[in-house]
Amino acid sequence: MDVLVLIGRLLFIGLFAASGVNHLTQTKAMAGYAASRGLPLAVPATVASGLVMLVGAVSVGVGLWADIGALLLAAFSFSVAVLMHGFWAEKDPQAKMMEQSQFFKDVSLGGAALVLFAFFAYAGHDLGLTVTGPAFSLG
């Protein structure tokens, strides 16, 4: 069971880890996109979001207060869904469909991160293959 949970955690964080690295190594391009979506202070927001993704991904991946890492990833995902993928404001049908797909992807990832938070906060001390137990306890 422990190995299965570890594999699932690692597969889940892959997107966040890769995107976090991209936010920090391709900041200008990522910030340009953020600015085009109307996000103020696009460069600092891009760096901050990259750090949030990396910290959350490492936390969940290695099991270092993974419940807090999962909350970080949930907060990031829900924020990005609303701030960056406002499909409701798109006029072009193709752009609207693309943004709607991205919106629901981010909402789904946020939902999965909330499930991971609850899982760690409930059963975290009983899980192997983690560095620490959870910071919160729901059990």
C-alpha atoms as a PDB file:
ATOM      1  CA  MET A   1       0.000   0.000   0.000  1.00  0.00           C
ATOM      2  CA  ASP A   2       2.775   2.442   0.935  1.00  0.00           C
ATOM      3  CA  VAL A   3       4.512   2.019  -2.425  1.00  0.00           C
ATOM      4  CA  LEU A   4       1.236   2.475  -4.291  1.00  0.00           C
ATOM      5  CA  VAL A   5       0.537   5.711  -2.426  1.00  0.00           C
ATOM      6  CA  LEU A   6       4.078   6.917  -3.147  1.00  0.00           C
ATOM      7  CA  ILE A   7       3.705   6.165  -6.868  1.00  0.00           C
ATOM      8  CA  GLY A   8       0.377   8.031  -6.931  1.00  0.00           C
ATOM      9  CA  ARG A   9       1.912  11.013  -5.121  1.00  0.00           C
ATOM     10  CA  LEU A  10       4.816  11.170  -7.560  1.00  0.00           C
ATOM     11  CA  LEU A  11       2.538  10.936 -10.595  1.00  0.00           C
ATOM     12  CA  PHE A  12       0.274  13.640  -9.161  1.00  0.00           C
ATOM     13  CA  ILE A  13       3.087  16.132  -8.549  1.00  0.00           C
ATOM     14  CA  GLY A  14       4.735  15.750 -11.954  1.00  0.00           C
ATOM     15  CA  LEU A  15       2.742  18.528 -13.590  1.00  0.00           C
ATOM     16  CA  PHE A  16       3.272  20.898 -10.648  1.00  0.00           C
ATOM     17  CA  ALA A  17       7.010  20.217 -10.442  1.00  0.00           C
ATOM     18  CA  ALA A  18       7.560  20.706 -14.185  1.00  0.00           C
ATOM     19  CA  SER A  19       5.391  23.844 -14.255  1.00  0.00           C
ATOM     20  CA  GLY A  20       7.137  25.243 -11.185  1.00  0.00           C
ATOM     21  CA  VAL A  21      10.515  24.818 -12.851  1.00  0.00           C
ATOM     22  CA  ASN A  22       9.176  26.464 -16.024  1.00  0.00           C
ATOM     23  CA  HIS A  23       7.826  29.411 -14.030  1.00  0.00           C
ATOM     24  CA  LEU A  24      11.280  29.956 -12.532  1.00  0.00           C
ATOM     25  CA  THR A  25      13.402  29.288 -15.622  1.00  0.00           C
ATOM     26  CA  GLN A  26      11.142  30.878 -18.257  1.00  0.00           C
ATOM     27  CA  THR A  27       9.806  33.679 -16.088  1.00  0.00           C
ATOM     28  CA  LYS A  28       9.666  36.330 -18.820  1.00  0.00           C
ATOM     29  CA  ALA A  29       7.561  34.204 -21.177  1.00  0.00           C
ATOM     30  CA  MET A  30       5.293  32.931 -18.402  1.00  0.00           C
ATOM     31  CA  ALA A  31       4.842  36.440 -17.017  1.00  0.00           C
ATOM     32  CA  GLY A  32       3.980  37.679 -20.501  1.00  0.00           C
ATOM     33  CA  TYR A  33       1.134  35.193 -20.671  1.00  0.00           C
ATOM     34  CA  ALA A  34      -0.019  36.145 -17.155  1.00  0.00           C
ATOM     35  CA  ALA A  35       0.022  39.813 -18.109  1.00  0.00           C
ATOM     36  CA  SER A  36      -1.988  39.062 -21.262  1.00  0.00           C
ATOM     37  CA  ARG A  37      -4.660  37.526 -19.003  1.00  0.00           C
ATOM     38  CA  GLY A  38      -4.799  40.741 -16.988  1.00  0.00           C
ATOM     39  CA  LEU A  39      -2.810  39.605 -13.969  1.00  0.00           C
ATOM     40  CA  PRO A  40      -1.129  42.563 -12.237  1.00  0.00           C
ATOM     41  CA  LEU A  41       2.511  42.277 -11.153  1.00  0.00           C
ATOM     42  CA  ALA A  42       2.972  39.403 -13.563  1.00  0.00           C
ATOM     43  CA  VAL A  43       6.692  38.785 -12.936  1.00  0.00           C
ATOM     44  CA  PRO A  44       6.482  38.570  -9.119  1.00  0.00           C
ATOM     45  CA  ALA A  45       3.275  36.526  -9.436  1.00  0.00           C
ATOM     46  CA  THR A  46       5.002  34.123 -11.830  1.00  0.00           C
ATOM     47  CA  VAL A  47       7.966  33.653  -9.495  1.00  0.00           C
ATOM     48  CA  ALA A  48       5.705  33.260  -6.461  1.00  0.00           C
ATOM     49  CA  SER A  49       3.473  30.734  -8.199  1.00  0.00           C
ATOM     50  CA  GLY A  50       6.527  28.770  -9.351  1.00  0.00           C
ATOM     51  CA  LEU A  51       7.781  28.609  -5.772  1.00  0.00           C
ATOM     52  CA  VAL A  52       4.354  27.566  -4.458  1.00  0.00           C
ATOM     53  CA  MET A  53       4.177  24.765  -7.015  1.00  0.00           C
ATOM     54  CA  LEU A  54       7.688  23.545  -6.254  1.00  0.00           C
ATOM     55  CA  VAL A  55       7.282  23.671  -2.476  1.00  0.00           C
ATOM     56  CA  GLY A  56       3.904  21.930  -2.704  1.00  0.00           C
ATOM     57  CA  ALA A  57       5.209  19.298  -5.107  1.00  0.00           C
ATOM     58  CA  VAL A  58       8.295  18.508  -3.016  1.00  0.00           C
ATOM     59  CA  SER A  59       6.196  18.399   0.149  1.00  0.00           C
ATOM     60  CA  VAL A  60       3.695  15.927  -1.315  1.00  0.00           C
ATOM     61  CA  GLY A  61       6.353  13.946  -3.181  1.00  0.00           C
ATOM     62  CA  VAL A  62       8.692  13.306  -0.266  1.00  0.00           C
ATOM     63  CA  GLY A  63       6.013  13.362   2.415  1.00  0.00           C
ATOM     64  CA  LEU A  64       7.284  16.383   4.321  1.00  0.00           C
ATOM     65  CA  TRP A  65       4.100  17.756   5.897  1.00  0.00           C
ATOM     66  CA  ALA A  66       2.395  16.537   2.759  1.00  0.00           C
ATOM     67  CA  ASP A  67      -0.972  17.777   3.975  1.00  0.00           C
ATOM     68  CA  ILE A  68       0.297  21.369   3.878  1.00  0.00           C
ATOM     69  CA  GLY A  69       1.862  20.758   0.463  1.00  0.00           C
ATOM     70  CA  ALA A  70      -1.464  19.437  -0.799  1.00  0.00           C
ATOM     71  CA  LEU A  71      -3.215  22.574   0.485  1.00  0.00           C
ATOM     72  CA  LEU A  72      -0.664  24.733  -1.343  1.00  0.00           C
ATOM     73  CA  LEU A  73      -1.314  22.861  -4.580  1.00  0.00           C
ATOM     74  CA  ALA A  74      -5.089  23.132  -4.091  1.00  0.00           C
ATOM     75  CA  ALA A  75      -4.899  26.885  -3.448  1.00  0.00           C
ATOM     76  CA  PHE A  76      -2.682  27.325  -6.497  1.00  0.00           C
ATOM     77  CA  SER A  77      -4.959  25.242  -8.740  1.00  0.00           C
ATOM     78  CA  PHE A  78      -8.185  26.993  -7.740  1.00  0.00           C
ATOM     79  CA  SER A  79      -6.557  30.425  -8.043  1.00  0.00           C
ATOM     80  CA  VAL A  80      -5.170  29.699 -11.490  1.00  0.00           C
ATOM     81  CA  ALA A  81      -8.511  28.333 -12.669  1.00  0.00           C
ATOM     82  CA  VAL A  82     -10.250  31.588 -11.812  1.00  0.00           C
ATOM     83  CA  LEU A  83      -7.501  34.112 -12.563  1.00  0.00           C
ATOM     84  CA  MET A  84      -6.009  32.638 -15.726  1.00  0.00           C
ATOM     85  CA  HIS A  85      -8.736  30.602 -17.407  1.00  0.00           C
ATOM     86  CA  GLY A  86     -11.862  32.746 -17.340  1.00  0.00           C
ATOM     87  CA  PHE A  87     -13.604  30.987 -20.210  1.00  0.00           C
ATOM     88  CA  TRP A  88     -16.813  32.880 -19.434  1.00  0.00           C
ATOM     89  CA  ALA A  89     -15.222  36.086 -20.749  1.00  0.00           C
ATOM     90  CA  GLU A  90     -14.016  34.607 -24.055  1.00  0.00           C
ATOM     91  CA  LYS A  91     -15.842  35.615 -27.232  1.00  0.00           C
ATOM     92  CA  ASP A  92     -14.071  33.304 -29.682  1.00  0.00           C
ATOM     93  CA  PRO A  93     -15.666  29.811 -29.476  1.00  0.00           C
ATOM     94  CA  GLN A  94     -12.348  27.990 -29.926  1.00  0.00           C
ATOM     95  CA  ALA A  95     -10.593  30.101 -27.266  1.00  0.00           C
ATOM     96  CA  LYS A  96     -13.580  29.648 -24.972  1.00  0.00           C
ATOM     97  CA  MET A  97     -13.403  25.859 -25.345  1.00  0.00           C
ATOM     98  CA  MET A  98      -9.649  25.845 -24.676  1.00  0.00           C
ATOM     99  CA  GLU A  99      -9.969  28.048 -21.577  1.00  0.00           C
ATOM    100  CA  GLN A 100     -12.904  25.998 -20.305  1.00  0.00           C
ATOM    101  CA  SER A 101     -10.835  22.834 -20.632  1.00  0.00           C
ATOM    102  CA  GLN A 102      -7.938  24.442 -18.750  1.00  0.00           C
ATOM    103  CA  PHE A 103     -10.319  25.795 -16.097  1.00  0.00           C
ATOM    104  CA  PHE A 104     -11.809  22.374 -15.382  1.00  0.00           C
ATOM    105  CA  LYS A 105      -8.379  20.725 -15.441  1.00  0.00           C
ATOM    106  CA  ASP A 106      -7.221  23.118 -12.730  1.00  0.00           C
ATOM    107  CA  VAL A 107     -10.424  22.669 -10.711  1.00  0.00           C
ATOM    108  CA  SER A 108      -9.996  18.891 -10.961  1.00  0.00           C
ATOM    109  CA  LEU A 109      -6.372  19.081  -9.839  1.00  0.00           C
ATOM    110  CA  GLY A 110      -7.433  21.309  -6.949  1.00  0.00           C
ATOM    111  CA  GLY A 111     -10.082  18.775  -5.979  1.00  0.00           C
ATOM    112  CA  ALA A 112      -7.559  15.948  -6.085  1.00  0.00           C
ATOM    113  CA  ALA A 113      -5.194  18.011  -3.928  1.00  0.00           C
ATOM    114  CA  LEU A 114      -7.991  18.474  -1.378  1.00  0.00           C
ATOM    115  CA  VAL A 115      -8.524  14.712  -1.339  1.00  0.00           C
ATOM    116  CA  LEU A 116      -4.792  14.266  -0.731  1.00  0.00           C
ATOM    117  CA  PHE A 117      -4.946  16.806   2.089  1.00  0.00           C
ATOM    118  CA  ALA A 118      -7.763  14.886   3.764  1.00  0.00           C
ATOM    119  CA  PHE A 119      -5.992  11.585   3.159  1.00  0.00           C
ATOM    120  CA  PHE A 120      -2.756  12.773   4.736  1.00  0.00           C
ATOM    121  CA  ALA A 121      -4.488  14.550   7.616  1.00  0.00           C
ATOM    122  CA  TYR A 122      -6.538  11.432   8.347  1.00  0.00           C
ATOM    123  CA  ALA A 123      -4.084   8.595   7.757  1.00  0.00           C
ATOM    124  CA  GLY A 124      -0.735  10.379   7.458  1.00  0.00           C
ATOM    125  CA  HIS A 125       0.872   8.948  10.593  1.00  0.00           C
ATOM    126  CA  ASP A 126       0.039   5.439   9.409  1.00  0.00           C
ATOM    127  CA  LEU A 127       1.571   5.931   5.985  1.00  0.00           C
ATOM    128  CA  GLY A 128       5.065   4.766   5.364  1.00  0.00           C
ATOM    129  CA  LEU A 129       7.492   6.349   2.951  1.00  0.00           C
ATOM    130  CA  THR A 130       7.081   9.873   4.296  1.00  0.00           C
ATOM    131  CA  VAL A 131       9.579  12.127   6.047  1.00  0.00           C
ATOM    132  CA  THR A 132       7.074  13.535   8.549  1.00  0.00           C
ATOM    133  CA  GLY A 133       3.514  12.965   9.566  1.00  0.00           C
ATOM    134  CA  PRO A 134       0.833  15.526   8.788  1.00  0.00           C
ATOM    135  CA  ALA A 135       0.652  18.967  10.368  1.00  0.00           C
ATOM    136  CA  PHE A 136      -3.139  18.597  10.732  1.00  0.00           C
ATOM    137  CA  SER A 137      -5.138  15.724  12.150  1.00  0.00           C
ATOM    138  CA  LEU A 138      -8.612  14.822  10.944  1.00  0.00           C
ATOM    139  CA  GLY A 139      -8.678  11.355  12.488  1.00  0.00           C
END
